[in-house]
PDB file of N, CA and C in Angstrom:
ATOM      1  N   MET A   1      -3.543  -2.388  15.504  1.00  0.00           N
ATOM      2  CA  MET A   1      -3.110  -2.705  14.159  1.00  0.00           C
ATOM      3  C   MET A   1      -1.658  -3.176  14.200  1.00  0.00           C
ATOM      4  N   PRO A   2      -1.328  -4.252  13.500  1.00  0.00           N
ATOM      5  CA  PRO A   2       0.061  -4.701  13.470  1.00  0.00           C
ATOM      6  C   PRO A   2       0.926  -3.776  12.612  1.00  0.00           C
ATOM      7  N   LYS A   3       2.197  -3.790  12.903  1.00  0.00           N
ATOM      8  CA  LYS A   3       3.145  -3.023  12.099  1.00  0.00           C
ATOM      9  C   LYS A   3       3.309  -3.715  10.747  1.00  0.00           C
ATOM     10  N   MET A   4       3.682  -2.945   9.727  1.00  0.00           N
ATOM     11  CA  MET A   4       3.884  -3.504   8.396  1.00  0.00           C
ATOM     12  C   MET A   4       5.145  -2.902   7.787  1.00  0.00           C
ATOM     13  N   ARG A   5       5.913  -3.715   7.111  1.00  0.00           N
ATOM     14  CA  ARG A   5       7.082  -3.240   6.379  1.00  0.00           C
ATOM     15  C   ARG A   5       6.882  -3.553   4.910  1.00  0.00           C
ATOM     16  N   ALA A   6       7.048  -2.543   4.079  1.00  0.00           N
ATOM     17  CA  ALA A   6       6.979  -2.716   2.633  1.00  0.00           C
ATOM     18  C   ALA A   6       8.372  -2.499   2.060  1.00  0.00           C
ATOM     19  N   LYS A   7       8.618  -3.094   0.911  1.00  0.00           N
ATOM     20  CA  LYS A   7       9.877  -2.863   0.203  1.00  0.00           C
ATOM     21  C   LYS A   7       9.513  -2.237  -1.137  1.00  0.00           C
ATOM     22  N   LEU A   8       9.974  -1.008  -1.338  1.00  0.00           N
ATOM     23  CA  LEU A   8       9.623  -0.245  -2.521  1.00  0.00           C
ATOM     24  C   LEU A   8      10.860   0.101  -3.330  1.00  0.00           C
ATOM     25  N   GLN A   9      10.651   0.268  -4.625  1.00  0.00           N
ATOM     26  CA  GLN A   9      11.740   0.680  -5.510  1.00  0.00           C
ATOM     27  C   GLN A   9      11.395   2.047  -6.087  1.00  0.00           C
ATOM     28  N   LEU A  10      12.382   2.940  -6.102  1.00  0.00           N
ATOM     29  CA  LEU A  10      12.182   4.280  -6.641  1.00  0.00           C
ATOM     30  C   LEU A  10      12.226   4.209  -8.164  1.00  0.00           C
ATOM     31  N   ASN A  11      11.098   4.582  -8.797  1.00  0.00           N
ATOM     32  CA  ASN A  11      10.992   4.487 -10.258  1.00  0.00           C
ATOM     33  C   ASN A  11      11.293   5.789 -10.974  1.00  0.00           C
ATOM     34  N   SER A  12      10.965   6.915 -10.344  1.00  0.00           N
ATOM     35  CA  SER A  12      11.236   8.187 -11.012  1.00  0.00           C
ATOM     36  C   SER A  12      11.289   9.315  -9.994  1.00  0.00           C
ATOM     37  N   ILE A  13      11.966  10.376 -10.401  1.00  0.00           N
ATOM     38  CA  ILE A  13      12.055  11.598  -9.602  1.00  0.00           C
ATOM     39  C   ILE A  13      11.681  12.751 -10.521  1.00  0.00           C
ATOM     40  N   THR A  14      10.718  13.560 -10.078  1.00  0.00           N
ATOM     41  CA  THR A  14      10.353  14.764 -10.813  1.00  0.00           C
ATOM     42  C   THR A  14      10.874  15.941 -10.012  1.00  0.00           C
ATOM     43  N   LYS A  15      11.750  16.724 -10.638  1.00  0.00           N
ATOM     44  CA  LYS A  15      12.393  17.834  -9.933  1.00  0.00           C
ATOM     45  C   LYS A  15      11.615  19.133 -10.148  1.00  0.00           C
ATOM     46  N   TYR A  16      11.462  19.869  -9.058  1.00  0.00           N
ATOM     47  CA  TYR A  16      10.832  21.185  -9.070  1.00  0.00           C
ATOM     48  C   TYR A  16      11.784  22.152  -8.376  1.00  0.00           C
ATOM     49  N   THR A  17      11.492  23.431  -8.450  1.00  0.00           N
ATOM     50  CA  THR A  17      12.297  24.414  -7.739  1.00  0.00           C
ATOM     51  C   THR A  17      12.065  24.248  -6.243  1.00  0.00           C
ATOM     52  N   GLY A  18      13.091  23.852  -5.518  1.00  0.00           N
ATOM     53  CA  GLY A  18      13.007  23.704  -4.073  1.00  0.00           C
ATOM     54  C   GLY A  18      12.357  22.434  -3.572  1.00  0.00           C
ATOM     55  N   SER A  19      12.033  21.494  -4.479  1.00  0.00           N
ATOM     56  CA  SER A  19      11.433  20.233  -4.048  1.00  0.00           C
ATOM     57  C   SER A  19      11.586  19.191  -5.154  1.00  0.00           C
ATOM     58  N   GLU A  20      11.229  17.963  -4.828  1.00  0.00           N
ATOM     59  CA  GLU A  20      11.178  16.916  -5.834  1.00  0.00           C
ATOM     60  C   GLU A  20      10.151  15.871  -5.422  1.00  0.00           C
ATOM     61  N   GLN A  21       9.533  15.261  -6.415  1.00  0.00           N
ATOM     62  CA  GLN A  21       8.540  14.221  -6.166  1.00  0.00           C
ATOM     63  C   GLN A  21       9.176  12.868  -6.422  1.00  0.00           C
ATOM     64  N   LEU A  22       9.092  11.995  -5.429  1.00  0.00           N
ATOM     65  CA  LEU A  22       9.637  10.641  -5.523  1.00  0.00           C
ATOM     66  C   LEU A  22       8.483   9.686  -5.785  1.00  0.00           C
ATOM     67  N   ASN A  23       8.617   8.841  -6.801  1.00  0.00           N
ATOM     68  CA  ASN A  23       7.566   7.896  -7.179  1.00  0.00           C
ATOM     69  C   ASN A  23       8.074   6.476  -6.999  1.00  0.00           C
ATOM     70  N   PHE A  24       7.433   5.745  -6.099  1.00  0.00           N
ATOM     71  CA  PHE A  24       7.837   4.386  -5.744  1.00  0.00           C
ATOM     72  C   PHE A  24       6.778   3.369  -6.172  1.00  0.00           C
ATOM     73  N   ASN A  25       7.234   2.149  -6.441  1.00  0.00           N
ATOM     74  CA  ASN A  25       6.358   1.009  -6.666  1.00  0.00           C
ATOM     75  C   ASN A  25       6.856  -0.159  -5.837  1.00  0.00           C
ATOM     76  N   ALA A  26       5.957  -1.125  -5.596  1.00  0.00           N
ATOM     77  CA  ALA A  26       6.357  -2.341  -4.887  1.00  0.00           C
ATOM     78  C   ALA A  26       7.432  -3.060  -5.693  1.00  0.00           C
ATOM     79  N   VAL A  27       8.350  -3.737  -5.004  1.00  0.00           N
ATOM     80  CA  VAL A  27       9.381  -4.499  -5.699  1.00  0.00           C
ATOM     81  C   VAL A  27       8.725  -5.641  -6.463  1.00  0.00           C
ATOM     82  N   ALA A  28       9.280  -5.928  -7.607  1.00  0.00           N
ATOM     83  CA  ALA A  28       8.775  -7.029  -8.430  1.00  0.00           C
ATOM     84  C   ALA A  28       9.859  -7.401  -9.436  1.00  0.00           C
ATOM     85  N   ALA A  29       9.760  -8.597  -9.937  1.00  0.00           N
ATOM     86  CA  ALA A  29      10.687  -9.050 -10.973  1.00  0.00           C
ATOM     87  C   ALA A  29       9.943  -9.996 -11.897  1.00  0.00           C
ATOM     88  N   SER A  30      10.413 -10.117 -13.104  1.00  0.00           N
ATOM     89  CA  SER A  30       9.756 -11.033 -14.035  1.00  0.00           C
ATOM     90  C   SER A  30      10.048 -12.487 -13.675  1.00  0.00           C
ATOM     91  N   ARG A  31      11.178 -12.708 -12.990  1.00  0.00           N
ATOM     92  CA  ARG A  31      11.534 -14.065 -12.550  1.00  0.00           C
ATOM     93  C   ARG A  31      12.256 -14.000 -11.215  1.00  0.00           C
ATOM     94  N   TYR A  32      12.030 -15.023 -10.401  1.00  0.00           N
ATOM     95  CA  TYR A  32      12.727 -15.164  -9.131  1.00  0.00           C
ATOM     96  C   TYR A  32      13.344 -16.551  -9.088  1.00  0.00           C
ATOM     97  N   PRO A  33      14.379 -16.758  -8.268  1.00  0.00           N
ATOM     98  CA  PRO A  33      14.951 -18.099  -8.138  1.00  0.00           C
ATOM     99  C   PRO A  33      13.883 -19.095  -7.695  1.00  0.00           C
ATOM    100  N   GLU A  34      13.951 -20.302  -8.218  1.00  0.00           N
ATOM    101  CA  GLU A  34      12.950 -21.321  -7.889  1.00  0.00           C
ATOM    102  C   GLU A  34      12.901 -21.633  -6.402  1.00  0.00           C
ATOM    103  N   ASP A  35      14.029 -21.478  -5.714  1.00  0.00           N
ATOM    104  CA  ASP A  35      14.040 -21.792  -4.279  1.00  0.00           C
ATOM    105  C   ASP A  35      13.477 -20.648  -3.428  1.00  0.00           C
ATOM    106  N   GLY A  36      13.062 -19.526  -4.071  1.00  0.00           N
ATOM    107  CA  GLY A  36      12.478 -18.408  -3.334  1.00  0.00           C
ATOM    108  C   GLY A  36      13.477 -17.620  -2.522  1.00  0.00           C
ATOM    109  N   SER A  37      14.763 -17.758  -2.814  1.00  0.00           N
ATOM    110  CA  SER A  37      15.805 -17.151  -1.985  1.00  0.00           C
ATOM    111  C   SER A  37      15.921 -15.641  -2.146  1.00  0.00           C
ATOM    112  N   ASP A  38      15.350 -15.053  -3.182  1.00  0.00           N
ATOM    113  CA  ASP A  38      15.425 -13.612  -3.380  1.00  0.00           C
ATOM    114  C   ASP A  38      14.459 -12.922  -2.420  1.00  0.00           C
ATOM    115  N   GLU A  39      14.977 -12.006  -1.594  1.00  0.00           N
ATOM    116  CA  GLU A  39      14.130 -11.329  -0.604  1.00  0.00           C
ATOM    117  C   GLU A  39      12.978 -10.573  -1.267  1.00  0.00           C
ATOM    118  N   ASP A  40      13.206 -10.008  -2.455  1.00  0.00           N
ATOM    119  CA  ASP A  40      12.138  -9.290  -3.143  1.00  0.00           C
ATOM    120  C   ASP A  40      10.949 -10.209  -3.412  1.00  0.00           C
ATOM    121  N   ASN A  41      11.224 -11.484  -3.639  1.00  0.00           N
ATOM    122  CA  ASN A  41      10.171 -12.460  -3.869  1.00  0.00           C
ATOM    123  C   ASN A  41       9.208 -12.507  -2.680  1.00  0.00           C
ATOM    124  N   THR A  42       9.741 -12.491  -1.479  1.00  0.00           N
ATOM    125  CA  THR A  42       8.913 -12.532  -0.270  1.00  0.00           C
ATOM    126  C   THR A  42       8.023 -11.293  -0.190  1.00  0.00           C
ATOM    127  N   TYR A  43       8.585 -10.118  -0.441  1.00  0.00           N
ATOM    128  CA  TYR A  43       7.797  -8.896  -0.374  1.00  0.00           C
ATOM    129  C   TYR A  43       6.755  -8.853  -1.481  1.00  0.00           C
ATOM    130  N   ALA A  44       7.117  -9.257  -2.690  1.00  0.00           N
ATOM    131  CA  ALA A  44       6.178  -9.232  -3.809  1.00  0.00           C
ATOM    132  C   ALA A  44       5.021 -10.197  -3.589  1.00  0.00           C
ATOM    133  N   LYS A  45       5.285 -11.299  -2.911  1.00  0.00           N
ATOM    134  CA  LYS A  45       4.238 -12.286  -2.643  1.00  0.00           C
ATOM    135  C   LYS A  45       3.137 -11.701  -1.762  1.00  0.00           C
ATOM    136  N   PHE A  46       3.506 -10.938  -0.743  1.00  0.00           N
ATOM    137  CA  PHE A  46       2.536 -10.426   0.217  1.00  0.00           C
ATOM    138  C   PHE A  46       2.066  -9.008  -0.081  1.00  0.00           C
ATOM    139  N   SER A  47       2.806  -8.259  -0.870  1.00  0.00           N
ATOM    140  CA  SER A  47       2.393  -6.913  -1.311  1.00  0.00           C
ATOM    141  C   SER A  47       2.702  -6.803  -2.801  1.00  0.00           C
ATOM    142  N   PRO A  48       1.897  -7.479  -3.632  1.00  0.00           N
ATOM    143  CA  PRO A  48       2.227  -7.553  -5.057  1.00  0.00           C
ATOM    144  C   PRO A  48       2.070  -6.239  -5.813  1.00  0.00           C
ATOM    145  N   SER A  49       1.372  -5.283  -5.225  1.00  0.00           N
ATOM    146  CA  SER A  49       1.164  -4.021  -5.923  1.00  0.00           C
ATOM    147  C   SER A  49       1.148  -2.879  -4.919  1.00  0.00           C
ATOM    148  N   ALA A  50       1.861  -1.809  -5.248  1.00  0.00           N
ATOM    149  CA  ALA A  50       1.860  -0.611  -4.402  1.00  0.00           C
ATOM    150  C   ALA A  50       2.393   0.565  -5.202  1.00  0.00           C
ATOM    151  N   LYS A  51       1.853   1.739  -4.928  1.00  0.00           N
ATOM    152  CA  LYS A  51       2.352   2.992  -5.501  1.00  0.00           C
ATOM    153  C   LYS A  51       2.400   4.016  -4.385  1.00  0.00           C
ATOM    154  N   VAL A  52       3.512   4.715  -4.279  1.00  0.00           N
ATOM    155  CA  VAL A  52       3.670   5.760  -3.268  1.00  0.00           C
ATOM    156  C   VAL A  52       4.333   6.955  -3.936  1.00  0.00           C
ATOM    157  N   GLU A  53       3.766   8.134  -3.731  1.00  0.00           N
ATOM    158  CA  GLU A  53       4.366   9.376  -4.201  1.00  0.00           C
ATOM    159  C   GLU A  53       4.637  10.246  -2.986  1.00  0.00           C
ATOM    160  N   ILE A  54       5.856  10.740  -2.895  1.00  0.00           N
ATOM    161  CA  ILE A  54       6.229  11.594  -1.773  1.00  0.00           C
ATOM    162  C   ILE A  54       6.859  12.867  -2.322  1.00  0.00           C
ATOM    163  N   MET A  55       6.321  14.017  -1.915  1.00  0.00           N
ATOM    164  CA  MET A  55       6.911  15.297  -2.280  1.00  0.00           C
ATOM    165  C   MET A  55       7.898  15.667  -1.184  1.00  0.00           C
ATOM    166  N   VAL A  56       9.152  15.847  -1.554  1.00  0.00           N
ATOM    167  CA  VAL A  56      10.214  16.163  -0.597  1.00  0.00           C
ATOM    168  C   VAL A  56      10.597  17.629  -0.766  1.00  0.00           C
ATOM    169  N   ALA A  57      10.501  18.396   0.322  1.00  0.00           N
ATOM    170  CA  ALA A  57      10.886  19.802   0.298  1.00  0.00           C
ATOM    171  C   ALA A  57      12.017  20.090   1.281  1.00  0.00           C
ATOM    172  N   ASN A  58      12.464  19.071   2.000  1.00  0.00           N
ATOM    173  CA  ASN A  58      13.563  19.230   2.956  1.00  0.00           C
ATOM    174  C   ASN A  58      14.876  19.354   2.177  1.00  0.00           C
ATOM    175  N   PRO A  59      15.557  20.494   2.247  1.00  0.00           N
ATOM    176  CA  PRO A  59      16.800  20.674   1.494  1.00  0.00           C
ATOM    177  C   PRO A  59      17.854  19.605   1.796  1.00  0.00           C
ATOM    178  N   GLU A  60      17.810  19.023   2.993  1.00  0.00           N
ATOM    179  CA  GLU A  60      18.775  17.978   3.363  1.00  0.00           C
ATOM    180  C   GLU A  60      18.543  16.680   2.587  1.00  0.00           C
ATOM    181  N   LEU A  61      17.342  16.494   2.030  1.00  0.00           N
ATOM    182  CA  LEU A  61      17.005  15.248   1.338  1.00  0.00           C
ATOM    183  C   LEU A  61      16.965  15.380  -0.182  1.00  0.00           C
ATOM    184  N   ILE A  62      16.823  16.593  -0.681  1.00  0.00           N
ATOM    185  CA  ILE A  62      16.742  16.779  -2.133  1.00  0.00           C
ATOM    186  C   ILE A  62      18.056  16.339  -2.774  1.00  0.00           C
ATOM    187  N   GLY A  63      17.932  15.501  -3.785  1.00  0.00           N
ATOM    188  CA  GLY A  63      19.106  14.993  -4.494  1.00  0.00           C
ATOM    189  C   GLY A  63      19.776  13.799  -3.832  1.00  0.00           C
ATOM    190  N   LYS A  64      19.214  13.293  -2.755  1.00  0.00           N
ATOM    191  CA  LYS A  64      19.825  12.180  -2.019  1.00  0.00           C
ATOM    192  C   LYS A  64      19.290  10.814  -2.450  1.00  0.00           C
ATOM    193  N   PHE A  65      18.192  10.769  -3.212  1.00  0.00           N
ATOM    194  CA  PHE A  65      17.600   9.504  -3.636  1.00  0.00           C
ATOM    195  C   PHE A  65      18.028   9.191  -5.063  1.00  0.00           C
ATOM    196  N   THR A  66      18.095   7.902  -5.389  1.00  0.00           N
ATOM    197  CA  THR A  66      18.551   7.462  -6.705  1.00  0.00           C
ATOM    198  C   THR A  66      17.524   6.519  -7.317  1.00  0.00           C
ATOM    199  N   VAL A  67      17.130   6.815  -8.549  1.00  0.00           N
ATOM    200  CA  VAL A  67      16.192   5.945  -9.263  1.00  0.00           C
ATOM    201  C   VAL A  67      16.789   4.538  -9.350  1.00  0.00           C
ATOM    202  N   GLY A  68      15.944   3.544  -9.087  1.00  0.00           N
ATOM    203  CA  GLY A  68      16.365   2.155  -9.127  1.00  0.00           C
ATOM    204  C   GLY A  68      16.710   1.576  -7.773  1.00  0.00           C
ATOM    205  N   GLU A  69      17.008   2.436  -6.794  1.00  0.00           N
ATOM    206  CA  GLU A  69      17.319   1.934  -5.454  1.00  0.00           C
ATOM    207  C   GLU A  69      16.052   1.437  -4.772  1.00  0.00           C
ATOM    208  N   LYS A  70      16.238   0.530  -3.819  1.00  0.00           N
ATOM    209  CA  LYS A  70      15.128  -0.047  -3.070  1.00  0.00           C
ATOM    210  C   LYS A  70      15.200   0.434  -1.628  1.00  0.00           C
ATOM    211  N   TYR A  71      14.011   0.619  -1.038  1.00  0.00           N
ATOM    212  CA  TYR A  71      13.918   1.151   0.312  1.00  0.00           C
ATOM    213  C   TYR A  71      12.870   0.371   1.100  1.00  0.00           C
ATOM    214  N   TYR A  72      13.120   0.202   2.389  1.00  0.00           N
ATOM    215  CA  TYR A  72      12.098  -0.317   3.278  1.00  0.00           C
ATOM    216  C   TYR A  72      11.268   0.855   3.786  1.00  0.00           C
ATOM    217  N   VAL A  73       9.972   0.652   3.862  1.00  0.00           N
ATOM    218  CA  VAL A  73       9.066   1.652   4.402  1.00  0.00           C
ATOM    219  C   VAL A  73       8.268   0.989   5.502  1.00  0.00           C
ATOM    220  N   ASP A  74       8.364   1.508   6.702  1.00  0.00           N
ATOM    221  CA  ASP A  74       7.668   0.940   7.847  1.00  0.00           C
ATOM    222  C   ASP A  74       6.417   1.734   8.170  1.00  0.00           C
ATOM    223  N   PHE A  75       5.316   1.013   8.396  1.00  0.00           N
ATOM    224  CA  PHE A  75       4.049   1.621   8.777  1.00  0.00           C
ATOM    225  C   PHE A  75       3.730   1.212  10.214  1.00  0.00           C
ATOM    226  N   THR A  76       3.568   2.199  11.065  1.00  0.00           N
ATOM    227  CA  THR A  76       3.165   1.961  12.441  1.00  0.00           C
ATOM    228  C   THR A  76       2.046   2.943  12.772  1.00  0.00           C
ATOM    229  N   PRO A  77       1.130   2.547  13.624  1.00  0.00           N
ATOM    230  CA  PRO A  77       0.032   3.452  13.962  1.00  0.00           C
ATOM    231  C   PRO A  77       0.549   4.745  14.611  1.00  0.00           C
ATOM    232  N   ALA A  78      -0.055   5.851  14.222  1.00  0.00           N
ATOM    233  CA  ALA A  78       0.263   7.130  14.859  1.00  0.00           C
ATOM    234  C   ALA A  78      -0.655   7.295  16.052  1.00  0.00           C
ATOM    235  N   GLU A  79      -0.069   7.636  17.172  1.00  0.00           N
ATOM    236  CA  GLU A  79      -0.865   7.748  18.399  1.00  0.00           C
ATOM    237  C   GLU A  79      -1.360   9.156  18.571  1.00  0.00           C
TER     238      GLU A  79
END
């Protein structure tokens, strides 16, 4: 299987005692430059829809993510 990189944007964080749930969607915009120069345009073209929810319980990561920020997520086969 080939490797895949997705570009996701954090849409919301639900906080719990000792953990938080991060909710991501694929990057998208209502408009992109006509010349296609916006990198998000490239990702949206090939992965137009995605939803990822991650429950984080690692104390080192809680509170480190910000709604609205964009992240690359790499998928590689687990051996």
